[in-house]
N, C-alpha and C. Protein backbone atom coordinates (compact mmCIF):
# COMPACT_ATOMS: atom_id res chain seq x y z
N MET A 1 11.04 -38.55 33.49
CA MET A 1 11.82 -38.36 32.69
C MET A 1 12.52 -36.98 32.98
N SER A 2 13.87 -36.98 33.13
CA SER A 2 14.26 -35.50 33.69
C SER A 2 15.23 -34.94 32.42
N TYR A 3 15.14 -33.68 32.51
CA TYR A 3 15.94 -32.76 31.28
C TYR A 3 16.86 -32.13 31.98
N SER A 4 18.11 -32.25 31.38
CA SER A 4 19.11 -31.49 32.14
C SER A 4 19.85 -30.72 30.94
N GLN A 5 20.62 -29.47 31.17
CA GLN A 5 21.22 -28.70 30.29
C GLN A 5 22.86 -29.20 30.05
N PRO A 6 23.39 -29.24 29.27
CA PRO A 6 24.65 -29.56 29.16
C PRO A 6 25.62 -28.63 29.98
N GLU A 7 26.47 -29.36 30.43
CA GLU A 7 27.43 -28.58 31.21
C GLU A 7 28.05 -27.27 30.64
N GLY A 8 27.99 -26.19 31.39
CA GLY A 8 28.36 -24.99 30.96
C GLY A 8 27.49 -23.97 30.00
N TYR A 9 26.15 -24.74 29.90
CA TYR A 9 25.22 -24.09 29.21
C TYR A 9 24.84 -22.59 29.75
N PHE A 10 24.45 -22.48 30.92
CA PHE A 10 24.31 -21.29 31.49
C PHE A 10 25.27 -20.31 31.46
N LYS A 11 26.50 -20.71 31.67
CA LYS A 11 27.66 -19.83 31.64
C LYS A 11 27.85 -19.22 30.09
N LEU A 12 27.82 -20.07 29.14
CA LEU A 12 27.89 -19.55 27.84
C LEU A 12 26.68 -18.61 27.48
N LYS A 13 25.63 -19.04 28.21
CA LYS A 13 24.30 -18.20 27.62
C LYS A 13 24.52 -16.88 28.28
N ASN A 14 24.85 -16.70 29.48
CA ASN A 14 25.18 -15.67 30.26
C ASN A 14 26.09 -14.71 29.65
N LYS A 15 27.25 -15.37 29.14
CA LYS A 15 28.35 -14.54 28.60
C LYS A 15 27.82 -13.81 27.21
N ASN A 16 26.96 -14.65 26.53
CA ASN A 16 26.45 -14.11 25.20
C ASN A 16 25.59 -13.03 25.66
N ILE A 17 24.71 -13.17 26.46
CA ILE A 17 23.77 -12.13 26.92
C ILE A 17 24.56 -10.76 27.29
N MET A 18 25.53 -10.88 27.94
CA MET A 18 26.42 -9.82 28.37
C MET A 18 27.06 -9.11 27.33
N LYS A 19 27.47 -9.97 26.21
CA LYS A 19 28.13 -9.29 25.03
C LYS A 19 26.93 -8.41 24.27
N THR A 20 25.86 -9.14 24.16
CA THR A 20 24.72 -8.45 23.54
C THR A 20 24.21 -7.13 24.15
N THR A 21 24.13 -7.14 25.31
CA THR A 21 23.77 -6.10 26.28
C THR A 21 24.59 -4.90 26.10
N PHE A 22 26.02 -5.27 26.19
CA PHE A 22 27.23 -4.16 25.75
C PHE A 22 26.96 -3.58 24.39
N LYS A 23 26.85 -4.38 23.41
CA LYS A 23 26.70 -3.94 22.08
C LYS A 23 25.50 -3.08 21.86
N LEU A 24 24.20 -3.55 22.50
CA LEU A 24 23.20 -2.43 22.46
C LEU A 24 23.28 -1.31 23.33
N SER A 25 24.08 -1.35 24.36
CA SER A 25 24.50 -0.23 25.12
C SER A 25 25.26 0.84 24.37
N VAL A 26 26.19 0.47 23.49
CA VAL A 26 26.97 1.21 22.82
C VAL A 26 26.08 1.86 21.81
N MET A 27 25.14 1.10 21.00
CA MET A 27 24.42 1.43 20.07
C MET A 27 23.59 2.64 20.57
N LEU A 28 23.18 2.38 21.65
CA LEU A 28 22.06 3.43 22.35
C LEU A 28 22.90 4.68 22.74
N ILE A 29 24.08 4.67 23.20
CA ILE A 29 24.96 5.92 23.46
C ILE A 29 25.22 6.48 22.12
N ILE A 30 25.45 6.04 20.85
CA ILE A 30 25.72 6.49 19.73
C ILE A 30 24.38 7.20 19.10
N PHE A 31 23.22 6.47 19.46
CA PHE A 31 21.97 7.06 18.96
C PHE A 31 21.57 8.34 19.72
N ILE A 32 21.82 8.29 21.02
CA ILE A 32 21.42 9.47 21.87
C ILE A 32 22.28 10.40 21.39
N SER A 33 23.81 10.29 21.33
CA SER A 33 24.46 11.45 20.92
C SER A 33 24.15 12.12 19.52
N ALA A 34 23.48 11.24 18.84
CA ALA A 34 23.06 11.80 17.44
C ALA A 34 21.98 12.71 17.46
N CYS A 35 21.23 12.73 18.68
CA CYS A 35 19.86 13.44 18.90
C CYS A 35 20.22 14.93 19.07
N SER A 36 21.38 15.28 19.34
CA SER A 36 21.43 16.69 19.70
C SER A 36 22.40 17.39 18.48
N PRO A 37 22.21 18.67 18.09
CA PRO A 37 22.74 19.29 17.05
C PRO A 37 24.21 19.46 17.28
N LYS A 38 25.11 19.31 16.45
CA LYS A 38 26.57 19.52 16.52
C LYS A 38 26.78 20.81 15.49
N ILE A 39 27.59 21.76 16.32
CA ILE A 39 27.96 23.00 15.71
C ILE A 39 29.32 23.05 15.34
N ASN A 40 29.55 23.46 14.08
CA ASN A 40 30.96 23.56 13.61
C ASN A 40 31.17 25.05 13.61
N TYR A 41 32.52 25.69 14.18
CA TYR A 41 32.66 27.04 13.99
C TYR A 41 34.16 27.39 13.34
N ILE A 42 34.30 28.57 12.68
CA ILE A 42 35.67 28.92 12.24
C ILE A 42 35.73 30.48 12.57
N GLY A 43 36.59 30.91 13.22
CA GLY A 43 36.60 32.48 13.29
C GLY A 43 37.48 33.02 14.75
N ASN A 44 37.17 34.00 15.04
CA ASN A 44 37.70 34.62 16.25
C ASN A 44 36.97 34.20 17.39
N GLN A 45 37.52 34.31 18.53
CA GLN A 45 36.81 34.00 19.87
C GLN A 45 36.91 35.25 20.81
N PHE A 46 36.04 35.53 21.59
CA PHE A 46 35.98 36.79 22.61
C PHE A 46 35.59 36.21 23.84
N ASN A 47 35.48 36.87 24.94
CA ASN A 47 34.87 36.48 26.13
C ASN A 47 33.39 36.20 25.92
N PRO A 48 32.83 35.24 26.55
CA PRO A 48 31.36 34.75 26.38
C PRO A 48 30.50 35.90 26.69
N THR A 49 29.54 35.82 26.02
CA THR A 49 28.37 36.90 26.06
C THR A 49 27.01 36.23 26.61
N SER A 50 26.02 37.17 27.34
CA SER A 50 25.06 36.49 27.70
C SER A 50 23.88 36.57 27.06
N GLU A 51 23.75 37.49 26.09
CA GLU A 51 22.79 37.80 25.18
C GLU A 51 23.29 37.70 23.75
N VAL A 52 22.44 37.39 22.86
CA VAL A 52 22.77 37.33 21.40
C VAL A 52 21.63 37.68 20.80
N GLU A 53 21.72 38.61 19.86
CA GLU A 53 20.53 39.23 18.85
C GLU A 53 20.58 38.24 17.91
N LEU A 54 19.35 38.12 17.05
CA LEU A 54 19.31 37.45 15.94
C LEU A 54 18.72 38.27 14.74
N PHE A 55 19.40 38.26 13.63
CA PHE A 55 19.07 38.99 12.42
C PHE A 55 18.97 38.14 11.23
N PHE A 56 18.05 38.43 10.37
CA PHE A 56 17.89 37.61 9.11
C PHE A 56 18.07 38.43 7.73
N ASP A 57 18.47 39.98 8.02
CA ASP A 57 19.10 40.56 6.89
C ASP A 57 19.92 41.70 7.30
N SER A 58 21.04 41.77 6.80
CA SER A 58 22.23 42.55 7.35
C SER A 58 21.77 44.10 7.47
N LYS A 59 20.70 44.46 6.64
CA LYS A 59 20.20 45.79 6.61
C LYS A 59 19.53 46.36 7.92
N ASP A 60 19.18 45.13 8.55
CA ASP A 60 18.45 45.40 10.03
C ASP A 60 19.49 45.62 10.92
N ILE A 61 20.67 45.40 11.04
CA ILE A 61 21.90 45.57 12.10
C ILE A 61 22.06 47.23 11.96
N LYS A 62 21.68 47.83 12.86
CA LYS A 62 21.88 49.15 12.77
C LYS A 62 23.14 49.88 13.59
N ARG A 63 24.08 49.03 14.18
CA ARG A 63 25.30 49.32 14.76
C ARG A 63 26.47 48.96 13.91
N GLU A 64 27.58 49.46 14.02
CA GLU A 64 28.70 49.21 13.38
C GLU A 64 29.00 47.85 13.94
N TYR A 65 29.74 46.78 12.97
CA TYR A 65 29.93 45.60 13.37
C TYR A 65 31.15 44.90 12.49
N THR A 66 31.56 43.90 12.92
CA THR A 66 32.70 43.22 12.10
C THR A 66 31.91 41.56 12.22
N VAL A 67 32.31 40.95 11.06
CA VAL A 67 32.08 39.50 11.01
C VAL A 67 33.30 38.55 11.93
N MET A 68 32.77 38.17 12.95
CA MET A 68 33.91 37.60 13.68
C MET A 68 34.20 36.14 13.32
N GLY A 69 33.23 35.29 12.60
CA GLY A 69 33.24 34.15 12.25
C GLY A 69 32.00 33.44 11.61
N PHE A 70 32.22 32.36 11.15
CA PHE A 70 31.20 31.53 10.55
C PHE A 70 30.73 30.20 11.21
N MET A 71 29.56 30.05 11.28
CA MET A 71 29.13 28.65 12.08
C MET A 71 28.02 27.99 11.28
N GLN A 72 27.87 26.69 11.37
CA GLN A 72 26.80 26.00 10.76
C GLN A 72 26.69 24.63 11.71
N ASN A 73 25.48 24.21 11.63
CA ASN A 73 25.26 22.85 12.08
C ASN A 73 25.40 21.78 11.23
N GLU A 74 25.69 20.40 11.76
CA GLU A 74 25.89 19.28 10.90
C GLU A 74 24.44 18.84 10.78
N GLY A 75 24.24 18.37 9.64
CA GLY A 75 23.16 17.65 9.32
C GLY A 75 23.04 16.19 9.86
N ARG A 76 22.05 15.99 10.84
CA ARG A 76 21.90 14.87 11.45
C ARG A 76 20.35 14.41 11.54
N GLU A 77 20.04 13.12 11.34
CA GLU A 77 18.68 12.73 11.19
C GLU A 77 17.87 13.08 12.29
N PHE A 78 18.38 12.96 13.52
CA PHE A 78 17.50 12.80 14.74
C PHE A 78 17.70 14.44 15.49
N ALA A 79 18.44 15.34 14.86
CA ALA A 79 18.79 16.57 15.28
C ALA A 79 18.51 17.55 14.21
N ASN A 80 17.22 17.54 13.73
CA ASN A 80 16.87 18.39 12.39
C ASN A 80 15.76 19.36 12.71
N ASP A 81 15.47 19.54 14.02
CA ASP A 81 14.30 20.32 14.40
C ASP A 81 14.85 21.98 14.28
N PRO A 82 14.39 22.77 13.42
CA PRO A 82 14.80 24.25 13.39
C PRO A 82 14.96 25.02 14.69
N GLU A 83 13.93 24.67 15.56
CA GLU A 83 13.99 25.33 16.89
C GLU A 83 15.21 24.97 17.58
N ASP A 84 15.39 23.63 17.67
CA ASP A 84 16.62 23.04 18.52
C ASP A 84 17.88 23.36 18.03
N ILE A 85 17.96 23.38 16.57
CA ILE A 85 19.11 24.09 15.77
C ILE A 85 19.44 25.46 16.28
N LYS A 86 18.51 26.44 16.21
CA LYS A 86 18.49 27.67 16.60
C LYS A 86 19.11 27.91 17.97
N ILE A 87 18.41 27.03 18.86
CA ILE A 87 19.00 27.08 20.21
C ILE A 87 20.40 26.91 20.50
N ALA A 88 20.86 25.88 19.86
CA ALA A 88 22.12 25.39 19.61
C ALA A 88 23.16 26.26 19.16
N LEU A 89 22.78 26.86 18.00
CA LEU A 89 23.45 28.16 17.44
C LEU A 89 23.60 29.15 18.38
N ILE A 90 22.67 29.62 19.18
CA ILE A 90 22.66 30.78 20.12
C ILE A 90 23.63 30.56 21.23
N GLU A 91 23.64 29.15 21.70
CA GLU A 91 24.43 28.85 22.93
C GLU A 91 25.80 28.86 22.25
N GLU A 92 26.07 28.30 21.12
CA GLU A 92 27.48 28.32 20.74
C GLU A 92 28.04 29.88 20.42
N ALA A 93 27.11 30.54 20.06
CA ALA A 93 27.43 32.00 19.64
C ALA A 93 27.81 32.61 21.00
N LYS A 94 27.11 32.46 22.10
CA LYS A 94 27.45 33.05 23.50
C LYS A 94 28.71 32.55 23.92
N LYS A 95 28.93 31.20 23.92
CA LYS A 95 30.30 30.88 24.17
C LYS A 95 31.55 31.31 23.51
N ARG A 96 31.20 31.72 22.24
CA ARG A 96 32.30 32.27 21.27
C ARG A 96 32.41 33.81 21.45
N GLY A 97 31.54 34.47 22.07
CA GLY A 97 31.57 35.91 22.44
C GLY A 97 30.87 36.76 21.48
N ALA A 98 30.00 36.20 20.70
CA ALA A 98 29.24 37.03 19.67
C ALA A 98 28.18 37.85 20.24
N ASP A 99 27.97 39.08 19.68
CA ASP A 99 26.92 39.88 20.12
C ASP A 99 25.47 39.68 19.26
N ALA A 100 25.63 39.05 18.12
CA ALA A 100 24.60 38.74 17.32
C ALA A 100 24.92 37.50 16.09
N ILE A 101 23.86 37.00 15.71
CA ILE A 101 23.91 35.94 14.85
C ILE A 101 23.24 36.49 13.48
N LEU A 102 23.76 36.40 12.40
CA LEU A 102 23.20 36.77 11.07
C LEU A 102 22.86 35.52 10.32
N PHE A 103 21.35 35.15 10.23
CA PHE A 103 20.99 34.08 9.49
C PHE A 103 20.85 34.59 8.10
N GLY A 104 21.70 34.36 7.01
CA GLY A 104 21.68 35.27 5.89
C GLY A 104 20.66 34.62 4.88
N ASP A 105 20.99 33.29 4.37
CA ASP A 105 20.10 32.80 3.22
C ASP A 105 19.29 31.42 3.70
N GLY A 106 18.91 31.62 5.07
CA GLY A 106 17.89 30.47 5.46
C GLY A 106 18.96 29.33 5.60
N TYR A 107 18.44 28.20 4.99
CA TYR A 107 19.17 27.14 5.11
C TYR A 107 18.90 26.21 4.02
N GLN A 108 20.15 25.26 4.04
CA GLN A 108 20.20 24.26 2.78
C GLN A 108 19.56 22.99 3.26
N GLU A 109 19.00 22.19 2.39
CA GLU A 109 18.52 20.93 2.74
C GLU A 109 19.29 19.83 2.13
N LEU A 110 19.83 19.02 2.90
CA LEU A 110 20.66 17.95 2.28
C LEU A 110 20.01 16.65 2.62
N ILE A 111 20.30 15.76 1.66
CA ILE A 111 19.93 14.32 1.76
C ILE A 111 20.97 13.37 2.15
N ASN A 112 20.85 12.73 3.40
CA ASN A 112 21.85 11.79 4.12
C ASN A 112 21.24 10.46 3.62
N SER A 113 22.05 9.40 3.65
CA SER A 113 21.63 7.96 3.55
C SER A 113 22.82 7.16 4.10
N THR A 114 22.30 5.82 4.50
CA THR A 114 23.25 4.81 4.87
C THR A 114 22.73 3.65 4.54
N ASP A 115 23.54 2.56 4.11
CA ASP A 115 23.10 1.27 3.89
C ASP A 115 22.81 0.50 5.15
N GLY A 116 23.37 0.79 6.09
CA GLY A 116 22.99 -0.04 7.43
C GLY A 116 24.20 0.01 8.29
N ILE A 117 23.71 -0.31 9.53
CA ILE A 117 24.81 -0.74 10.59
C ILE A 117 24.15 -1.75 11.34
N GLY A 118 24.97 -2.85 11.64
CA GLY A 118 24.21 -3.94 12.46
C GLY A 118 25.20 -4.94 12.85
N PHE A 119 24.73 -5.93 13.67
CA PHE A 119 25.55 -6.86 14.36
C PHE A 119 24.67 -8.05 14.53
N GLY A 120 25.18 -9.25 14.97
CA GLY A 120 24.60 -10.26 15.17
C GLY A 120 25.31 -11.11 16.25
N GLU A 121 24.52 -11.96 17.01
CA GLU A 121 25.32 -12.77 18.08
C GLU A 121 24.62 -14.05 18.25
N LYS A 122 25.35 -15.06 18.29
CA LYS A 122 24.79 -16.39 18.48
C LYS A 122 24.52 -16.67 19.95
N ILE A 123 23.29 -17.01 20.05
CA ILE A 123 22.98 -17.34 21.38
C ILE A 123 22.62 -18.76 21.75
N GLY A 124 23.25 -19.46 22.51
CA GLY A 124 22.90 -20.84 23.19
C GLY A 124 23.03 -21.77 22.06
N ASN A 125 21.85 -22.30 21.49
CA ASN A 125 21.99 -23.44 20.67
C ASN A 125 21.94 -22.96 19.23
N GLY A 126 22.14 -21.80 18.92
CA GLY A 126 22.00 -21.45 17.61
C GLY A 126 21.14 -20.13 17.29
N ASP A 127 20.49 -19.87 18.08
CA ASP A 127 19.60 -18.52 17.83
C ASP A 127 20.37 -17.29 17.83
N VAL A 128 19.97 -16.36 16.70
CA VAL A 128 20.76 -15.25 16.48
C VAL A 128 19.86 -14.05 16.71
N LEU A 129 20.45 -13.22 17.66
CA LEU A 129 20.00 -11.90 17.84
C LEU A 129 20.75 -10.82 17.09
N GLY A 130 19.97 -10.09 16.43
CA GLY A 130 20.64 -8.91 15.51
C GLY A 130 19.89 -7.79 15.52
N LEU A 131 20.45 -6.69 14.84
CA LEU A 131 19.98 -5.45 14.75
C LEU A 131 20.63 -4.78 13.47
N ASN A 132 19.75 -4.21 12.70
CA ASN A 132 20.20 -3.50 11.34
C ASN A 132 19.39 -2.36 11.17
N SER A 133 20.06 -1.34 10.96
CA SER A 133 19.38 0.02 10.31
C SER A 133 19.80 0.72 9.23
N GLY A 134 19.04 1.22 8.38
CA GLY A 134 19.29 2.00 7.31
C GLY A 134 18.34 3.00 7.10
N PHE A 135 18.76 4.28 6.53
CA PHE A 135 17.89 5.12 6.46
C PHE A 135 18.27 6.19 5.29
N VAL A 136 17.32 6.95 4.82
CA VAL A 136 17.41 8.03 3.76
C VAL A 136 16.69 9.21 4.58
N ASN A 137 17.32 10.35 4.57
CA ASN A 137 16.56 11.51 5.35
C ASN A 137 17.05 12.80 4.81
N ARG A 138 16.06 13.81 4.93
CA ARG A 138 16.52 15.18 4.60
C ARG A 138 16.79 15.91 5.85
N VAL A 139 17.83 16.77 5.86
CA VAL A 139 18.24 17.35 7.03
C VAL A 139 18.46 18.81 6.65
N LYS A 140 18.40 19.78 7.67
CA LYS A 140 18.51 21.12 7.47
C LYS A 140 19.93 21.60 7.90
N VAL A 141 20.58 22.33 7.15
CA VAL A 141 21.83 22.78 7.48
C VAL A 141 21.91 24.30 7.56
N PHE A 142 22.07 24.95 8.59
CA PHE A 142 21.79 26.60 8.65
C PHE A 142 23.34 27.08 8.69
N LYS A 143 23.80 27.90 7.92
CA LYS A 143 25.06 28.68 7.69
C LYS A 143 24.82 29.99 8.18
N VAL A 144 25.43 30.56 9.11
CA VAL A 144 25.26 31.70 9.74
C VAL A 144 26.61 32.37 10.06
N LYS A 145 26.51 33.90 10.29
CA LYS A 145 27.62 34.71 10.56
C LYS A 145 27.59 35.12 12.10
N LEU A 146 28.66 35.04 12.60
CA LEU A 146 28.80 35.62 13.99
C LEU A 146 29.08 37.06 13.85
N ILE A 147 28.40 38.11 14.57
CA ILE A 147 28.50 39.39 14.53
C ILE A 147 29.19 39.88 16.11
N LYS A 148 30.08 40.79 15.79
CA LYS A 148 30.71 41.47 17.06
C LYS A 148 30.66 42.97 16.91
N TYR A 149 29.96 43.66 17.68
CA TYR A 149 29.66 45.07 17.54
C TYR A 149 30.83 45.75 17.84
N GLN A 150 31.16 47.01 17.31
CA GLN A 150 32.41 47.81 17.33
C GLN A 150 32.49 48.54 18.76
C-alpha cells in the first residue's frame, strides 16, 4: 500500500512555515529591542563630554552650575535593571554634553500590564501554531537632571 501526499501539499506547507518563521522573527526583533533601556530627554544640548559625575543630592555639587535639561528612562519589562538604566542614562548624558547627573528623588515604580499579543497560523491539514503573551510587571523609572558647570 502506498501513501502519497495531495498535489501541492509540500508547496503549501513550506509557504506556511515561511510565514510563521517571518512572524517569529519579527516578534524576536521586538523582544530584543525591548531589552535595552530607552531614554527620553528634553533640554539644551552641548558638545559631547567624555566624563559625567553622579550626584544624589544637590548640596554635594560644589561648583556653580545650571540645569541643562531633564531625562528619564521609559519603564520596560526587560530593561528594568537599575545598573543598566544608570549606564544608559550616563551614555545619553555624555551625548548631550552634560558634566553631571543629579539623581534627585530616586525612582518611581510603575506597574505595566498587557492583555496579550499573539498570532496563529494554520499549517497543512489544520494544525495551528500560535503564540500569545501577557504580563503584569513593576518597572523602575528614574527622573534625573542634567547639569552643566559654569
